[in-house]
Amino acid sequence: MTQFDDFHAHMPAMRAHAGTWEGVYTHINRDAEILDKHAVNVRCEFPSSGDYVYVQHNHFTWDDGREYRATLPGTYRDGRLWWDLETFSGSAWETKDGLILLNLDRKDDPGANFFEIIAMGSTGQQRSRTWHWFKDGALFKRTLCDEWKVSD
């Protein structure tokens, strides 16, 4: 069995995220005060061959004209989707109820990590992502991600 077959067999809920998503990310501090808010376009791909079973393309835009783009390829092993990139490393797995969970360590901010929960709505057209950020073990912010599917 290839990593692609194994990935599709063990992470079936992840496949529902294929396509392009648009949304808004809102970063808040522990007191729920807005720290940052920006738009996002996320494209989730599931290649059938090559080095990666998953590739995510992010394009963030701010009202002041700033932009940031990132490509996040992941491999599959030991029942999880793994990343080891310049800015972060960690893994994702899914629950029996179809939630996607992530645990990521920030390489670009030593001592920082975040836990992410991705929940898909019943129509498969909207999803919610929440990131819980810690620095040296202390919670310091959350990110609320509201996204809707714009294409398959």
Protein backbone atom coordinates (compact mmCIF):
# COMPACT_ATOMS: atom_id res chain seq x y z
CA MET A 1 0.00 0.00 0.00
CA THR A 2 1.38 3.44 -0.94
CA GLN A 3 1.35 6.46 1.36
CA PHE A 4 -1.47 7.81 -0.84
CA ASP A 5 -3.65 4.71 -0.36
CA ASP A 6 -2.90 4.62 3.37
CA PHE A 7 -3.64 8.34 3.74
CA HIS A 8 -7.00 8.08 1.93
CA ALA A 9 -7.95 5.01 3.97
CA HIS A 10 -7.06 6.50 7.38
CA MET A 11 -7.99 10.17 6.90
CA PRO A 12 -11.21 10.11 4.84
CA ALA A 13 -12.68 13.29 6.39
CA MET A 14 -9.63 15.26 5.27
CA ARG A 15 -10.59 14.66 1.60
CA ALA A 16 -13.76 16.75 2.08
CA HIS A 17 -11.49 19.79 2.39
CA ALA A 18 -10.32 19.53 -1.24
CA GLY A 19 -10.89 22.68 -3.24
CA THR A 20 -10.65 26.42 -2.72
CA TRP A 21 -11.87 28.18 0.39
CA GLU A 22 -12.23 31.89 1.13
CA GLY A 23 -12.65 33.40 4.52
CA VAL A 24 -11.65 35.71 7.32
CA TYR A 25 -9.10 35.05 10.06
CA THR A 26 -9.44 37.01 13.28
CA HIS A 27 -6.63 36.88 15.86
CA ILE A 28 -7.70 37.74 19.40
CA ASN A 29 -5.81 38.01 22.68
CA ARG A 30 -6.83 36.32 25.94
CA ASP A 31 -9.26 39.18 26.64
CA ALA A 32 -10.96 38.64 23.24
CA GLU A 33 -9.59 41.93 21.88
CA ILE A 34 -8.90 41.85 18.14
CA LEU A 35 -5.17 41.83 17.37
CA ASP A 36 -5.42 41.32 13.60
CA LYS A 37 -8.01 40.50 10.97
CA HIS A 38 -7.42 39.55 7.35
CA ALA A 39 -8.90 37.73 4.37
CA VAL A 40 -7.65 34.37 3.17
CA ASN A 41 -7.84 32.21 0.09
CA VAL A 42 -6.86 28.58 0.78
CA ARG A 43 -6.50 25.90 -1.89
CA CYS A 44 -6.28 22.30 -0.64
CA GLU A 45 -4.89 19.71 -3.07
CA PHE A 46 -4.49 15.94 -2.76
CA PRO A 47 -1.92 14.77 -5.33
CA SER A 48 -2.12 11.14 -6.45
CA SER A 49 1.66 10.80 -6.88
CA GLY A 50 4.91 12.48 -5.93
CA ASP A 51 6.46 13.33 -2.59
CA TYR A 52 3.37 14.80 -0.92
CA VAL A 53 -0.15 13.53 -0.21
CA TYR A 54 -1.42 17.03 0.61
CA VAL A 55 -0.51 20.54 -0.50
CA GLN A 56 -2.13 23.66 0.90
CA HIS A 57 -1.71 27.06 -0.77
CA ASN A 58 -2.50 30.10 1.39
CA HIS A 59 -2.92 33.69 0.21
CA PHE A 60 -3.55 36.20 3.00
CA THR A 61 -4.57 39.81 2.26
CA TRP A 62 -5.04 42.79 4.56
CA ASP A 63 -7.08 45.95 4.01
CA ASP A 64 -3.86 48.02 3.98
CA GLY A 65 -2.59 46.13 0.89
CA ARG A 66 -0.23 43.67 2.58
CA GLU A 67 -0.13 40.12 1.23
CA TYR A 68 1.48 36.87 2.30
CA ARG A 69 1.60 33.59 0.40
CA ALA A 70 2.65 30.16 1.61
CA THR A 71 2.69 26.66 0.17
CA LEU A 72 2.47 23.90 2.78
CA PRO A 73 3.20 20.37 1.48
CA GLY A 74 2.57 17.43 3.81
CA THR A 75 3.55 13.77 3.90
CA TYR A 76 1.70 10.85 5.46
CA ARG A 77 3.11 8.31 7.92
CA ASP A 78 2.10 6.57 11.13
CA GLY A 79 -1.57 7.55 10.76
CA ARG A 80 -0.89 11.29 10.54
CA LEU A 81 -0.30 14.06 8.04
CA TRP A 82 3.13 15.61 8.76
CA TRP A 83 4.79 18.94 7.96
CA ASP A 84 8.40 19.96 8.46
CA LEU A 85 8.73 23.39 6.88
CA GLU A 86 10.89 26.45 7.43
CA THR A 87 8.30 28.14 9.69
CA PHE A 88 6.71 25.19 11.52
CA SER A 89 6.62 21.43 12.04
CA GLY A 90 4.00 19.07 13.37
CA SER A 91 1.13 16.83 12.43
CA ALA A 92 -2.60 16.46 11.82
CA TRP A 93 -4.95 13.58 12.46
CA GLU A 94 -8.70 13.13 12.42
CA THR A 95 -11.19 11.92 14.96
CA LYS A 96 -13.78 9.23 14.32
CA ASP A 97 -16.33 12.07 14.09
CA GLY A 98 -14.44 13.81 11.26
CA LEU A 99 -12.77 16.64 13.18
CA ILE A 100 -9.25 17.46 12.03
CA LEU A 101 -6.78 18.18 14.86
CA LEU A 102 -3.31 19.69 14.48
CA ASN A 103 -0.36 20.22 16.81
CA LEU A 104 2.23 22.56 15.29
CA ASP A 105 5.49 23.97 16.69
CA ARG A 106 6.61 27.33 15.32
CA LYS A 107 10.23 27.27 14.15
CA ASP A 108 10.09 31.00 13.39
CA ASP A 109 9.08 31.80 16.99
CA PRO A 110 10.96 29.55 19.45
CA GLY A 111 8.79 28.39 22.33
CA ALA A 112 5.56 29.03 20.41
CA ASN A 113 3.13 26.37 19.28
CA PHE A 114 -0.53 26.09 18.45
CA PHE A 115 -3.27 23.51 18.46
CA GLU A 116 -5.86 23.70 15.69
CA ILE A 117 -9.34 22.22 15.41
CA ILE A 118 -11.08 22.11 12.02
CA ALA A 119 -14.81 21.41 11.91
CA MET A 120 -16.77 21.03 8.67
CA GLY A 121 -20.43 21.98 8.45
CA SER A 122 -22.92 19.30 7.37
CA THR A 123 -23.20 20.68 3.82
CA GLY A 124 -19.43 20.55 3.25
CA GLN A 125 -19.53 24.19 2.12
CA GLN A 126 -18.46 25.92 5.35
CA ARG A 127 -15.80 25.15 7.89
CA SER A 128 -14.52 26.65 11.09
CA ARG A 129 -10.94 26.53 12.30
CA THR A 130 -9.73 27.62 15.72
CA TRP A 131 -6.07 27.95 16.65
CA HIS A 132 -5.01 28.06 20.30
CA TRP A 133 -1.57 29.71 20.57
CA PHE A 134 0.87 29.09 23.43
CA LYS A 135 4.26 30.63 24.16
CA ASP A 136 6.46 28.76 26.62
CA GLY A 137 3.34 26.89 27.77
CA ALA A 138 1.14 29.97 28.35
CA LEU A 139 -1.92 30.75 26.21
CA PHE A 140 -1.49 34.15 24.56
CA LYS A 141 -3.96 34.30 21.65
CA ARG A 142 -6.52 32.47 19.54
CA THR A 143 -7.26 32.61 15.85
CA LEU A 144 -10.82 32.24 14.63
CA CYS A 145 -11.09 31.15 10.99
CA ASP A 146 -14.41 31.30 9.16
CA GLU A 147 -14.22 29.81 5.65
CA TRP A 148 -16.60 28.88 2.85
CA LYS A 149 -15.92 26.72 -0.20
CA VAL A 150 -15.79 28.60 -3.50
CA SER A 151 -14.73 25.75 -5.82
CA ASP A 152 -13.95 22.04 -5.83
